[in-house]
Amino acid sequence: MKTFNTRPSMSLKVAASTIMVLVLFITPTTTPTAMGQTAAFEVTKTSDGTSLVFVQDDGSVGLGTTSPNSRLEAAGVIHSTAGGFKFPDGTVQTTAGGGGVPLGTVIDWWQFGSMPVPADFAICIGSTITDPASPFNGQPTPNLVDRFIYGTDTPGAISDNAGGAATVNLSHAHGLGSHTHSQNTQTSNNNITVSTSGPGPKEGVPELHTHNINPASGNTSAALGAVSILPPFARLLKIVKIK
């Protein structure tokens, strides 16, 4: 065991068999030229100088990194063999599946301004996932643009292209019988065109509609055009968990 004195009020004991090289910076304001960071001390490998433990003068610790952006940042996997991870609210998570979001989960997300899509999610617009860390890499996201979610109890029925159209075309036909109109009547080639107030105004329904009457057949028909069958709705981004 060897003791290194960095200043009169501080000493550091290091087992020589454990740590091969210890680089100490005497004052907190010293800036190492090679790393460009202000360090309290650093532990490096003898063979190639790779940083193993790097402590900035603000107390932030980097494991395998010389620029920790948090109190503790590790360039690699952190393995907890017992105890799990404790959060600020006092709860402890010991398994990844406890409170995590399952892969493939689709949620509605309200994007404020230009804020980025949450990490590990992709927008459901049918685009190909290009993330080697995702098990869905190379597969398309579901295209949920202009789609409502309709539940199913059959996994094989899951699809992003089910359901009907957002509009229908309304028309009706009936015998001439007792039928009166009082507005804007025009006659051309034995066909009478009558415009009268219609069922609107509603989304997709015109205020006026037209009856074309054929006196020879005694029939009339009316076409009202495309009519929306959607209830009031809000638009949100559909995003899916990809890793």
C-alpha atoms as a PDB file:
ATOM      1  CA  MET A   1       0.000   0.000   0.000  1.00  0.00           C
ATOM      2  CA  LYS A   2       1.457   3.364  -0.982  1.00  0.00           C
ATOM      3  CA  THR A   3       0.319   6.827   0.133  1.00  0.00           C
ATOM      4  CA  PHE A   4       0.318   9.815  -2.234  1.00  0.00           C
ATOM      5  CA  ASN A   5       0.219  13.279  -0.655  1.00  0.00           C
ATOM      6  CA  THR A   6      -1.575  15.766  -2.906  1.00  0.00           C
ATOM      7  CA  ARG A   7      -1.646  18.665  -0.433  1.00  0.00           C
ATOM      8  CA  PRO A   8      -1.054  18.946   3.348  1.00  0.00           C
ATOM      9  CA  SER A   9      -4.687  18.240   4.211  1.00  0.00           C
ATOM     10  CA  MET A  10      -5.260  15.291   1.863  1.00  0.00           C
ATOM     11  CA  SER A  11      -3.648  11.939   1.149  1.00  0.00           C
ATOM     12  CA  LEU A  12      -4.631   8.996  -1.006  1.00  0.00           C
ATOM     13  CA  LYS A  13      -3.734   5.368  -0.287  1.00  0.00           C
ATOM     14  CA  VAL A  14      -3.492   3.090  -3.318  1.00  0.00           C
ATOM     15  CA  ALA A  15      -2.754  -0.620  -3.510  1.00  0.00           C
ATOM     16  CA  ALA A  16       0.021  -0.915  -6.073  1.00  0.00           C
ATOM     17  CA  SER A  17      -1.143  -4.374  -7.124  1.00  0.00           C
ATOM     18  CA  THR A  18      -4.589  -3.025  -8.034  1.00  0.00           C
ATOM     19  CA  ILE A  19      -3.919   0.246  -9.844  1.00  0.00           C
ATOM     20  CA  MET A  20      -0.959   0.391 -12.150  1.00  0.00           C
ATOM     21  CA  VAL A  21      -0.736   4.137 -12.815  1.00  0.00           C
ATOM     22  CA  LEU A  22      -2.179   7.012 -10.807  1.00  0.00           C
ATOM     23  CA  VAL A  23      -2.101  10.513 -12.238  1.00  0.00           C
ATOM     24  CA  LEU A  24      -2.746  13.239  -9.613  1.00  0.00           C
ATOM     25  CA  PHE A  25      -3.243  16.917 -10.377  1.00  0.00           C
ATOM     26  CA  ILE A  26      -2.008  18.999  -7.472  1.00  0.00           C
ATOM     27  CA  THR A  27      -4.483  21.878  -7.817  1.00  0.00           C
ATOM     28  CA  PRO A  28      -8.136  21.746  -8.952  1.00  0.00           C
ATOM     29  CA  THR A  29      -7.425  24.405 -11.567  1.00  0.00           C
ATOM     30  CA  THR A  30      -4.869  22.326 -13.442  1.00  0.00           C
ATOM     31  CA  THR A  31      -6.096  21.532 -16.968  1.00  0.00           C
ATOM     32  CA  PRO A  32      -4.531  18.379 -18.482  1.00  0.00           C
ATOM     33  CA  THR A  33      -3.506  19.140 -22.051  1.00  0.00           C
ATOM     34  CA  ALA A  34      -4.334  15.673 -23.371  1.00  0.00           C
ATOM     35  CA  MET A  35      -7.887  15.541 -22.015  1.00  0.00           C
ATOM     36  CA  GLY A  36      -9.003  19.159 -21.925  1.00  0.00           C
ATOM     37  CA  GLN A  37     -10.825  18.629 -18.598  1.00  0.00           C
ATOM     38  CA  THR A  38     -10.214  19.989 -15.126  1.00  0.00           C
ATOM     39  CA  ALA A  39      -9.619  16.991 -12.891  1.00  0.00           C
ATOM     40  CA  ALA A  40      -9.146  16.267  -9.207  1.00  0.00           C
ATOM     41  CA  PHE A  41      -7.463  12.984 -10.150  1.00  0.00           C
ATOM     42  CA  GLU A  42      -7.474  10.254 -12.782  1.00  0.00           C
ATOM     43  CA  VAL A  43      -6.633   6.551 -12.979  1.00  0.00           C
ATOM     44  CA  THR A  44      -5.272   5.346 -16.326  1.00  0.00           C
ATOM     45  CA  LYS A  45      -3.951   2.126 -17.866  1.00  0.00           C
ATOM     46  CA  THR A  46      -0.186   1.776 -18.090  1.00  0.00           C
ATOM     47  CA  SER A  47      -0.272   0.152 -21.536  1.00  0.00           C
ATOM     48  CA  ASP A  48      -2.029   2.849 -23.537  1.00  0.00           C
ATOM     49  CA  GLY A  49      -3.056   5.613 -21.143  1.00  0.00           C
ATOM     50  CA  THR A  50      -6.781   4.821 -21.420  1.00  0.00           C
ATOM     51  CA  SER A  51      -8.760   6.604 -18.699  1.00  0.00           C
ATOM     52  CA  LEU A  52     -10.322   4.193 -16.199  1.00  0.00           C
ATOM     53  CA  VAL A  53     -11.586   6.578 -13.506  1.00  0.00           C
ATOM     54  CA  PHE A  54     -11.784  10.325 -14.023  1.00  0.00           C
ATOM     55  CA  VAL A  55     -12.963  12.726 -11.318  1.00  0.00           C
ATOM     56  CA  GLN A  56     -13.627  16.348 -12.261  1.00  0.00           C
ATOM     57  CA  ASP A  57     -13.070  19.119  -9.772  1.00  0.00           C
ATOM     58  CA  ASP A  58     -16.863  19.455  -9.337  1.00  0.00           C
ATOM     59  CA  GLY A  59     -17.046  15.870  -8.063  1.00  0.00           C
ATOM     60  CA  SER A  60     -18.498  14.310 -11.216  1.00  0.00           C
ATOM     61  CA  VAL A  61     -17.095  10.831 -11.836  1.00  0.00           C
ATOM     62  CA  GLY A  62     -16.490   9.279 -15.244  1.00  0.00           C
ATOM     63  CA  LEU A  63     -15.863   5.567 -15.718  1.00  0.00           C
ATOM     64  CA  GLY A  64     -14.224   5.152 -19.109  1.00  0.00           C
ATOM     65  CA  THR A  65     -14.968   8.779 -20.010  1.00  0.00           C
ATOM     66  CA  THR A  66     -13.092  12.014 -19.292  1.00  0.00           C
ATOM     67  CA  SER A  67     -16.166  14.246 -19.724  1.00  0.00           C
ATOM     68  CA  PRO A  68     -18.909  13.043 -17.361  1.00  0.00           C
ATOM     69  CA  ASN A  69     -22.117  15.051 -17.780  1.00  0.00           C
ATOM     70  CA  SER A  70     -23.721  13.624 -14.634  1.00  0.00           C
ATOM     71  CA  ARG A  71     -22.648  12.882 -11.081  1.00  0.00           C
ATOM     72  CA  LEU A  72     -21.710   9.415 -12.364  1.00  0.00           C
ATOM     73  CA  GLU A  73     -21.367   8.477 -16.035  1.00  0.00           C
ATOM     74  CA  ALA A  74     -20.137   5.116 -17.273  1.00  0.00           C
ATOM     75  CA  ALA A  75     -19.061   4.346 -20.834  1.00  0.00           C
ATOM     76  CA  GLY A  76     -20.361   0.803 -20.703  1.00  0.00           C
ATOM     77  CA  VAL A  77     -22.812  -1.511 -18.967  1.00  0.00           C
ATOM     78  CA  ILE A  78     -23.493  -1.039 -15.245  1.00  0.00           C
ATOM     79  CA  HIS A  79     -24.106  -4.363 -13.549  1.00  0.00           C
ATOM     80  CA  SER A  80     -25.938  -4.563 -10.236  1.00  0.00           C
ATOM     81  CA  THR A  81     -25.474  -8.024  -8.747  1.00  0.00           C
ATOM     82  CA  ALA A  82     -27.713  -7.334  -5.747  1.00  0.00           C
ATOM     83  CA  GLY A  83     -29.993  -4.623  -4.459  1.00  0.00           C
ATOM     84  CA  GLY A  84     -31.069  -3.065  -7.748  1.00  0.00           C
ATOM     85  CA  PHE A  85     -31.356   0.700  -8.310  1.00  0.00           C
ATOM     86  CA  LYS A  86     -32.870   3.145  -5.845  1.00  0.00           C
ATOM     87  CA  PHE A  87     -34.728   6.223  -7.143  1.00  0.00           C
ATOM     88  CA  PRO A  88     -35.262   9.640  -5.484  1.00  0.00           C
ATOM     89  CA  ASP A  89     -38.769   8.672  -4.340  1.00  0.00           C
ATOM     90  CA  GLY A  90     -37.285   5.809  -2.332  1.00  0.00           C
ATOM     91  CA  THR A  91     -38.476   2.994  -4.597  1.00  0.00           C
ATOM     92  CA  VAL A  92     -36.062   0.270  -5.643  1.00  0.00           C
ATOM     93  CA  GLN A  93     -36.147  -1.392  -9.064  1.00  0.00           C
ATOM     94  CA  THR A  94     -34.591  -4.842  -9.168  1.00  0.00           C
ATOM     95  CA  THR A  95     -35.828  -6.052 -12.580  1.00  0.00           C
ATOM     96  CA  ALA A  96     -36.072  -4.395 -15.974  1.00  0.00           C
ATOM     97  CA  GLY A  97     -39.667  -5.536 -16.488  1.00  0.00           C
ATOM     98  CA  GLY A  98     -41.119  -4.018 -13.327  1.00  0.00           C
ATOM     99  CA  GLY A  99     -42.027  -0.530 -14.461  1.00  0.00           C
ATOM    100  CA  GLY A 100     -40.571  -0.414 -17.944  1.00  0.00           C
ATOM    101  CA  VAL A 101     -42.528   0.214 -21.152  1.00  0.00           C
ATOM    102  CA  PRO A 102     -42.730  -3.014 -23.213  1.00  0.00           C
ATOM    103  CA  LEU A 103     -41.283  -3.017 -26.715  1.00  0.00           C
ATOM    104  CA  GLY A 104     -43.942  -2.306 -29.322  1.00  0.00           C
ATOM    105  CA  THR A 105     -46.069  -0.156 -26.991  1.00  0.00           C
ATOM    106  CA  VAL A 106     -47.870   2.603 -28.912  1.00  0.00           C
ATOM    107  CA  ILE A 107     -48.746   5.813 -27.055  1.00  0.00           C
ATOM    108  CA  ASP A 108     -50.288   9.166 -27.922  1.00  0.00           C
ATOM    109  CA  TRP A 109     -47.784  12.001 -27.571  1.00  0.00           C
ATOM    110  CA  TRP A 110     -48.339  15.763 -27.593  1.00  0.00           C
ATOM    111  CA  GLN A 111     -45.238  17.370 -29.081  1.00  0.00           C
ATOM    112  CA  PHE A 112     -44.557  20.883 -27.805  1.00  0.00           C
ATOM    113  CA  GLY A 113     -42.831  22.968 -30.449  1.00  0.00           C
ATOM    114  CA  SER A 114     -39.813  21.274 -31.981  1.00  0.00           C
ATOM    115  CA  MET A 115     -38.940  19.081 -28.997  1.00  0.00           C
ATOM    116  CA  PRO A 116     -37.420  15.759 -30.129  1.00  0.00           C
ATOM    117  CA  VAL A 117     -39.212  12.431 -30.062  1.00  0.00           C
ATOM    118  CA  PRO A 118     -38.554  10.672 -26.731  1.00  0.00           C
ATOM    119  CA  ALA A 119     -35.512   8.405 -26.682  1.00  0.00           C
ATOM    120  CA  ASP A 120     -36.143   4.798 -27.753  1.00  0.00           C
ATOM    121  CA  PHE A 121     -39.383   5.738 -29.587  1.00  0.00           C
ATOM    122  CA  ALA A 122     -40.242   6.264 -33.270  1.00  0.00           C
ATOM    123  CA  ILE A 123     -43.197   8.020 -34.920  1.00  0.00           C
ATOM    124  CA  CYS A 124     -45.799   5.652 -36.382  1.00  0.00           C
ATOM    125  CA  ILE A 125     -45.784   6.809 -40.011  1.00  0.00           C
ATOM    126  CA  GLY A 126     -44.762   3.577 -41.733  1.00  0.00           C
ATOM    127  CA  SER A 127     -41.090   4.530 -42.055  1.00  0.00           C
ATOM    128  CA  THR A 128     -38.291   1.967 -41.774  1.00  0.00           C
ATOM    129  CA  ILE A 129     -36.542   1.730 -38.397  1.00  0.00           C
ATOM    130  CA  THR A 130     -32.796   2.308 -38.820  1.00  0.00           C
ATOM    131  CA  ASP A 131     -31.396   1.641 -35.354  1.00  0.00           C
ATOM    132  CA  PRO A 132     -29.007  -1.312 -34.885  1.00  0.00           C
ATOM    133  CA  ALA A 133     -29.784  -1.289 -31.146  1.00  0.00           C
ATOM    134  CA  SER A 134     -33.461  -2.020 -31.825  1.00  0.00           C
ATOM    135  CA  PRO A 135     -34.755  -5.577 -32.327  1.00  0.00           C
ATOM    136  CA  PHE A 136     -37.088  -4.031 -34.942  1.00  0.00           C
ATOM    137  CA  ASN A 137     -34.195  -2.653 -37.004  1.00  0.00           C
ATOM    138  CA  GLY A 138     -35.082  -2.781 -40.713  1.00  0.00           C
ATOM    139  CA  GLN A 139     -38.809  -3.188 -40.078  1.00  0.00           C
ATOM    140  CA  PRO A 140     -41.395  -0.449 -40.765  1.00  0.00           C
ATOM    141  CA  THR A 141     -43.241   1.293 -37.987  1.00  0.00           C
ATOM    142  CA  PRO A 142     -47.037   0.928 -38.100  1.00  0.00           C
ATOM    143  CA  ASN A 143     -48.634   3.663 -40.186  1.00  0.00           C
ATOM    144  CA  LEU A 144     -51.215   5.165 -37.818  1.00  0.00           C
ATOM    145  CA  VAL A 145     -51.755   8.445 -39.645  1.00  0.00           C
ATOM    146  CA  ASP A 146     -55.530   9.149 -39.726  1.00  0.00           C
ATOM    147  CA  ARG A 147     -56.214   5.902 -37.823  1.00  0.00           C
ATOM    148  CA  PHE A 148     -58.244   5.161 -34.700  1.00  0.00           C
ATOM    149  CA  ILE A 149     -57.272   2.234 -32.476  1.00  0.00           C
ATOM    150  CA  TYR A 150     -59.768  -0.649 -32.390  1.00  0.00           C
ATOM    151  CA  GLY A 151     -59.058  -3.466 -29.958  1.00  0.00           C
ATOM    152  CA  THR A 152     -58.741  -7.131 -30.897  1.00  0.00           C
ATOM    153  CA  ASP A 153     -58.310 -10.407 -28.997  1.00  0.00           C
ATOM    154  CA  THR A 154     -56.445 -12.064 -31.865  1.00  0.00           C
ATOM    155  CA  PRO A 155     -52.729 -11.210 -32.281  1.00  0.00           C
ATOM    156  CA  GLY A 156     -52.888 -12.264 -35.916  1.00  0.00           C
ATOM    157  CA  ALA A 157     -55.516  -9.578 -36.542  1.00  0.00           C
ATOM    158  CA  ILE A 158     -53.181  -6.735 -35.568  1.00  0.00           C
ATOM    159  CA  SER A 159     -52.949  -4.424 -38.577  1.00  0.00           C
ATOM    160  CA  ASP A 160     -52.467  -0.750 -39.408  1.00  0.00           C
ATOM    161  CA  ASN A 161     -54.739  -1.000 -42.471  1.00  0.00           C
ATOM    162  CA  ALA A 162     -58.123  -2.115 -41.135  1.00  0.00           C
ATOM    163  CA  GLY A 163     -61.516  -0.436 -40.860  1.00  0.00           C
ATOM    164  CA  GLY A 164     -63.555   1.645 -43.260  1.00  0.00           C
ATOM    165  CA  ALA A 165     -63.413   5.030 -44.950  1.00  0.00           C
ATOM    166  CA  ALA A 166     -63.690   8.401 -43.208  1.00  0.00           C
ATOM    167  CA  THR A 167     -66.475   9.567 -45.567  1.00  0.00           C
ATOM    168  CA  VAL A 168     -69.497   8.121 -47.357  1.00  0.00           C
ATOM    169  CA  ASN A 169     -71.312   9.290 -50.486  1.00  0.00           C
ATOM    170  CA  LEU A 170     -75.010   9.861 -49.840  1.00  0.00           C
ATOM    171  CA  SER A 171     -77.692   9.699 -52.555  1.00  0.00           C
ATOM    172  CA  HIS A 172     -81.370   8.813 -52.800  1.00  0.00           C
ATOM    173  CA  ALA A 173     -83.898   8.067 -55.516  1.00  0.00           C
ATOM    174  CA  HIS A 174     -87.732   7.882 -55.488  1.00  0.00           C
ATOM    175  CA  GLY A 175     -90.761   8.072 -57.752  1.00  0.00           C
ATOM    176  CA  LEU A 176     -91.978  11.482 -58.858  1.00  0.00           C
ATOM    177  CA  GLY A 177     -95.200  11.300 -56.782  1.00  0.00           C
ATOM    178  CA  SER A 178     -96.035  14.268 -54.575  1.00  0.00           C
ATOM    179  CA  HIS A 179     -92.904  16.385 -54.617  1.00  0.00           C
ATOM    180  CA  THR A 180     -92.560  20.166 -54.450  1.00  0.00           C
ATOM    181  CA  HIS A 181     -89.650  22.590 -54.669  1.00  0.00           C
ATOM    182  CA  SER A 182     -89.819  26.341 -54.750  1.00  0.00           C
ATOM    183  CA  GLN A 183     -86.347  27.605 -55.615  1.00  0.00           C
ATOM    184  CA  ASN A 184     -84.273  28.192 -58.731  1.00  0.00           C
ATOM    185  CA  THR A 185     -85.917  25.874 -61.273  1.00  0.00           C
ATOM    186  CA  GLN A 186     -84.282  25.473 -64.703  1.00  0.00           C
ATOM    187  CA  THR A 187     -85.391  23.385 -67.700  1.00  0.00           C
ATOM    188  CA  SER A 188     -83.042  21.966 -70.301  1.00  0.00           C
ATOM    189  CA  ASN A 189     -83.617  19.044 -72.746  1.00  0.00           C
ATOM    190  CA  ASN A 190     -86.753  17.905 -70.893  1.00  0.00           C
ATOM    191  CA  ASN A 191     -84.772  17.609 -67.628  1.00  0.00           C
ATOM    192  CA  ILE A 192     -85.711  19.862 -64.749  1.00  0.00           C
ATOM    193  CA  THR A 193     -82.985  20.916 -62.318  1.00  0.00           C
ATOM    194  CA  VAL A 194     -84.207  22.154 -58.946  1.00  0.00           C
ATOM    195  CA  SER A 195     -81.881  23.600 -56.311  1.00  0.00           C
ATOM    196  CA  THR A 196     -83.197  23.773 -52.804  1.00  0.00           C
ATOM    197  CA  SER A 197     -81.869  24.086 -49.266  1.00  0.00           C
ATOM    198  CA  GLY A 198     -80.066  20.934 -48.207  1.00  0.00           C
ATOM    199  CA  PRO A 199     -79.275  19.231 -44.925  1.00  0.00           C
ATOM    200  CA  GLY A 200     -76.138  21.317 -44.242  1.00  0.00           C
ATOM    201  CA  PRO A 201     -74.100  22.982 -43.378  1.00  0.00           C
ATOM    202  CA  LYS A 202     -72.013  20.156 -41.923  1.00  0.00           C
ATOM    203  CA  GLU A 203     -68.530  18.907 -42.667  1.00  0.00           C
ATOM    204  CA  GLY A 204     -68.496  17.508 -46.184  1.00  0.00           C
ATOM    205  CA  VAL A 205     -72.202  18.293 -46.857  1.00  0.00           C
ATOM    206  CA  PRO A 206     -73.076  21.177 -49.231  1.00  0.00           C
ATOM    207  CA  GLU A 207     -75.614  23.794 -48.191  1.00  0.00           C
ATOM    208  CA  LEU A 208     -77.503  23.209 -51.464  1.00  0.00           C
ATOM    209  CA  HIS A 209     -78.267  20.005 -53.288  1.00  0.00           C
ATOM    210  CA  THR A 210     -79.727  19.306 -56.723  1.00  0.00           C
ATOM    211  CA  HIS A 211     -82.564  17.048 -57.908  1.00  0.00           C
ATOM    212  CA  ASN A 212     -82.460  15.952 -61.533  1.00  0.00           C
ATOM    213  CA  ILE A 213     -85.987  15.028 -62.632  1.00  0.00           C
ATOM    214  CA  ASN A 214     -86.666  12.962 -65.759  1.00  0.00           C
ATOM    215  CA  PRO A 215     -90.369  13.371 -66.667  1.00  0.00           C
ATOM    216  CA  ALA A 216     -90.223  10.441 -69.107  1.00  0.00           C
ATOM    217  CA  SER A 217     -89.348   7.905 -66.400  1.00  0.00           C
ATOM    218  CA  GLY A 218     -91.084   9.677 -63.587  1.00  0.00           C
ATOM    219  CA  ASN A 219     -88.015   9.301 -61.330  1.00  0.00           C
ATOM    220  CA  THR A 220     -85.792  11.772 -59.558  1.00  0.00           C
ATOM    221  CA  SER A 221     -82.434  11.349 -57.847  1.00  0.00           C
ATOM    222  CA  ALA A 222     -80.236  13.439 -55.601  1.00  0.00           C
ATOM    223  CA  ALA A 223     -76.505  13.202 -54.896  1.00  0.00           C
ATOM    224  CA  LEU A 224     -75.207  14.927 -51.778  1.00  0.00           C
ATOM    225  CA  GLY A 225     -71.498  14.210 -52.260  1.00  0.00           C
ATOM    226  CA  ALA A 226     -69.022  12.982 -49.646  1.00  0.00           C
ATOM    227  CA  VAL A 227     -70.160  13.241 -46.031  1.00  0.00           C
ATOM    228  CA  SER A 228     -67.772  12.898 -43.092  1.00  0.00           C
ATOM    229  CA  ILE A 229     -68.686  10.196 -40.564  1.00  0.00           C
ATOM    230  CA  LEU A 230     -65.925  11.094 -38.086  1.00  0.00           C
ATOM    231  CA  PRO A 231     -66.785  12.281 -34.567  1.00  0.00           C
ATOM    232  CA  PRO A 232     -64.970  15.314 -33.129  1.00  0.00           C
ATOM    233  CA  PHE A 233     -61.317  14.406 -32.645  1.00  0.00           C
ATOM    234  CA  ALA A 234     -57.866  15.736 -31.673  1.00  0.00           C
ATOM    235  CA  ARG A 235     -54.645  15.005 -33.538  1.00  0.00           C
ATOM    236  CA  LEU A 236     -51.643  13.626 -31.619  1.00  0.00           C
ATOM    237  CA  LEU A 237     -48.466  11.867 -32.664  1.00  0.00           C
ATOM    238  CA  LYS A 238     -48.572   8.082 -32.350  1.00  0.00           C
ATOM    239  CA  ILE A 239     -45.164   6.828 -31.217  1.00  0.00           C
ATOM    240  CA  VAL A 240     -43.974   3.254 -30.664  1.00  0.00           C
ATOM    241  CA  LYS A 241     -41.329   1.890 -28.279  1.00  0.00           C
ATOM    242  CA  ILE A 242     -38.560   0.363 -30.435  1.00  0.00           C
ATOM    243  CA  LYS A 243     -35.830  -0.418 -27.878  1.00  0.00           C
END
